[in-house]
Amino acid sequence: MENEERQLIETVDEDGNVINFELFDIVEVDNQEYALLLPADDDEDSEDSEIVLMRLTKDGEDYLFETIEDDEEFNRVEEYIKTLEDEEDDEEE
């Protein structure tokens, strides 16, 4: 990410702990936006950083990051992301 400013997101878990994420990407599925977040505290070169998927909703000018509670919704978005990854892999070959 040359010359790109990292977008850091601060969330609070159900126990009140603050967790920092870096915004990796935003995808839209069925007219709903979802954020792909990487833990900001992980080593940047770590290959096994787990991406966190959250629903984005807009509240006035602010965005809210919500946990996806519905397994069907989560699986639908996860499958969409996998198809994007497959398309990128095909383009690289």
C-alpha atoms as a PDB file:
ATOM      1  CA  MET A   1       0.000   0.000   0.000  1.00  0.00           C
ATOM      2  CA  GLU A   2       2.219   2.750  -1.244  1.00  0.00           C
ATOM      3  CA  ASN A   3       1.230   6.278  -0.277  1.00  0.00           C
ATOM      4  CA  GLU A   4      -2.085   5.066   1.098  1.00  0.00           C
ATOM      5  CA  GLU A   5      -3.047   6.186   4.547  1.00  0.00           C
ATOM      6  CA  ARG A   6      -4.112   3.377   6.852  1.00  0.00           C
ATOM      7  CA  GLN A   7      -7.711   3.693   7.949  1.00  0.00           C
ATOM      8  CA  LEU A   8      -7.888   2.581  11.560  1.00  0.00           C
ATOM      9  CA  ILE A   9     -11.172   1.530  13.109  1.00  0.00           C
ATOM     10  CA  GLU A  10     -11.677   1.287  16.856  1.00  0.00           C
ATOM     11  CA  THR A  11     -14.396  -1.075  18.072  1.00  0.00           C
ATOM     12  CA  VAL A  12     -15.526  -2.235  21.491  1.00  0.00           C
ATOM     13  CA  ASP A  13     -16.330  -5.889  22.099  1.00  0.00           C
ATOM     14  CA  GLU A  14     -19.113  -7.239  24.317  1.00  0.00           C
ATOM     15  CA  ASP A  15     -16.752  -7.192  27.318  1.00  0.00           C
ATOM     16  CA  GLY A  16     -15.898  -3.513  26.843  1.00  0.00           C
ATOM     17  CA  ASN A  17     -12.418  -4.186  25.443  1.00  0.00           C
ATOM     18  CA  VAL A  18     -11.207  -1.786  22.741  1.00  0.00           C
ATOM     19  CA  ILE A  19      -9.988  -3.531  19.588  1.00  0.00           C
ATOM     20  CA  ASN A  20      -8.215  -1.711  16.767  1.00  0.00           C
ATOM     21  CA  PHE A  21      -8.629  -2.778  13.155  1.00  0.00           C
ATOM     22  CA  GLU A  22      -7.317  -1.582   9.835  1.00  0.00           C
ATOM     23  CA  LEU A  23      -9.900  -1.250   7.075  1.00  0.00           C
ATOM     24  CA  PHE A  24      -8.817  -3.667   4.343  1.00  0.00           C
ATOM     25  CA  ASP A  25     -11.733  -3.352   1.927  1.00  0.00           C
ATOM     26  CA  ILE A  26     -15.465  -2.701   1.594  1.00  0.00           C
ATOM     27  CA  VAL A  27     -17.689  -4.977  -0.488  1.00  0.00           C
ATOM     28  CA  GLU A  28     -21.366  -4.700  -1.348  1.00  0.00           C
ATOM     29  CA  VAL A  29     -23.641  -7.737  -1.336  1.00  0.00           C
ATOM     30  CA  ASP A  30     -27.393  -7.465  -1.933  1.00  0.00           C
ATOM     31  CA  ASN A  31     -27.319  -3.654  -1.511  1.00  0.00           C
ATOM     32  CA  GLN A  32     -25.616  -3.967   1.893  1.00  0.00           C
ATOM     33  CA  GLU A  33     -22.029  -2.875   2.547  1.00  0.00           C
ATOM     34  CA  TYR A  34     -19.608  -5.023   4.532  1.00  0.00           C
ATOM     35  CA  ALA A  35     -16.181  -4.127   5.883  1.00  0.00           C
ATOM     36  CA  LEU A  36     -13.204  -6.462   5.767  1.00  0.00           C
ATOM     37  CA  LEU A  37     -10.985  -5.605   8.716  1.00  0.00           C
ATOM     38  CA  LEU A  38      -7.518  -6.729   9.752  1.00  0.00           C
ATOM     39  CA  PRO A  39      -6.409  -6.612  13.384  1.00  0.00           C
ATOM     40  CA  ALA A  40      -4.215  -3.494  13.596  1.00  0.00           C
ATOM     41  CA  ASP A  41      -2.166  -4.863  16.471  1.00  0.00           C
ATOM     42  CA  ASP A  42      -0.953  -7.897  14.473  1.00  0.00           C
ATOM     43  CA  ASP A  43       2.437  -7.944  12.814  1.00  0.00           C
ATOM     44  CA  GLU A  44       1.933  -6.410   9.352  1.00  0.00           C
ATOM     45  CA  ASP A  45       3.979  -9.152   7.687  1.00  0.00           C
ATOM     46  CA  SER A  46       1.990 -11.931   9.316  1.00  0.00           C
ATOM     47  CA  GLU A  47       0.498 -14.209   6.677  1.00  0.00           C
ATOM     48  CA  ASP A  48      -1.995 -15.751   9.086  1.00  0.00           C
ATOM     49  CA  SER A  49      -3.815 -12.571  10.132  1.00  0.00           C
ATOM     50  CA  GLU A  50      -7.487 -13.347  10.188  1.00  0.00           C
ATOM     51  CA  ILE A  51      -9.826 -10.983   8.359  1.00  0.00           C
ATOM     52  CA  VAL A  52     -12.858  -9.884  10.347  1.00  0.00           C
ATOM     53  CA  LEU A  53     -16.108  -9.332   8.464  1.00  0.00           C
ATOM     54  CA  MET A  54     -18.600  -6.747   9.762  1.00  0.00           C
ATOM     55  CA  ARG A  55     -21.818  -5.195   8.416  1.00  0.00           C
ATOM     56  CA  LEU A  56     -21.622  -1.461   7.711  1.00  0.00           C
ATOM     57  CA  THR A  57     -24.586   0.774   8.426  1.00  0.00           C
ATOM     58  CA  LYS A  58     -24.724   4.527   8.148  1.00  0.00           C
ATOM     59  CA  ASP A  59     -25.945   6.668  11.043  1.00  0.00           C
ATOM     60  CA  GLY A  60     -26.069  10.223   9.724  1.00  0.00           C
ATOM     61  CA  GLU A  61     -22.491  10.973   8.683  1.00  0.00           C
ATOM     62  CA  ASP A  62     -21.016   8.127  10.740  1.00  0.00           C
ATOM     63  CA  TYR A  63     -20.578   4.474   9.864  1.00  0.00           C
ATOM     64  CA  LEU A  64     -21.400   1.781  12.390  1.00  0.00           C
ATOM     65  CA  PHE A  65     -19.648  -1.578  12.311  1.00  0.00           C
ATOM     66  CA  GLU A  66     -21.972  -4.376  13.371  1.00  0.00           C
ATOM     67  CA  THR A  67     -21.317  -8.031  14.047  1.00  0.00           C
ATOM     68  CA  ILE A  68     -23.134 -10.321  11.628  1.00  0.00           C
ATOM     69  CA  GLU A  69     -25.268 -12.560  13.841  1.00  0.00           C
ATOM     70  CA  ASP A  70     -27.114 -14.380  11.038  1.00  0.00           C
ATOM     71  CA  ASP A  71     -25.113 -17.394   9.796  1.00  0.00           C
ATOM     72  CA  GLU A  72     -26.871 -17.360   6.413  1.00  0.00           C
ATOM     73  CA  GLU A  73     -25.968 -13.706   5.845  1.00  0.00           C
ATOM     74  CA  PHE A  74     -22.365 -14.300   6.922  1.00  0.00           C
ATOM     75  CA  ASN A  75     -22.024 -17.335   4.629  1.00  0.00           C
ATOM     76  CA  ARG A  76     -23.504 -15.419   1.669  1.00  0.00           C
ATOM     77  CA  VAL A  77     -20.960 -12.604   2.084  1.00  0.00           C
ATOM     78  CA  GLU A  78     -18.114 -15.067   2.655  1.00  0.00           C
ATOM     79  CA  GLU A  79     -18.985 -16.899  -0.580  1.00  0.00           C
ATOM     80  CA  TYR A  80     -19.076 -13.602  -2.480  1.00  0.00           C
ATOM     81  CA  ILE A  81     -15.609 -12.708  -1.179  1.00  0.00           C
ATOM     82  CA  LYS A  82     -14.296 -16.137  -2.214  1.00  0.00           C
ATOM     83  CA  THR A  83     -15.580 -15.591  -5.766  1.00  0.00           C
ATOM     84  CA  LEU A  84     -13.720 -12.255  -5.856  1.00  0.00           C
ATOM     85  CA  GLU A  85     -10.537 -13.987  -4.714  1.00  0.00           C
ATOM     86  CA  ASP A  86     -10.978 -16.693  -7.369  1.00  0.00           C
ATOM     87  CA  GLU A  87     -11.422 -14.031 -10.065  1.00  0.00           C
ATOM     88  CA  GLU A  88      -8.237 -12.271  -8.918  1.00  0.00           C
ATOM     89  CA  ASP A  89      -6.336 -15.580  -8.984  1.00  0.00           C
ATOM     90  CA  ASP A  90      -7.578 -16.264 -12.531  1.00  0.00           C
ATOM     91  CA  GLU A  91      -6.435 -12.818 -13.680  1.00  0.00           C
ATOM     92  CA  GLU A  92      -2.936 -13.375 -12.252  1.00  0.00           C
ATOM     93  CA  GLU A  93      -2.434 -16.638 -14.178  1.00  0.00           C
END
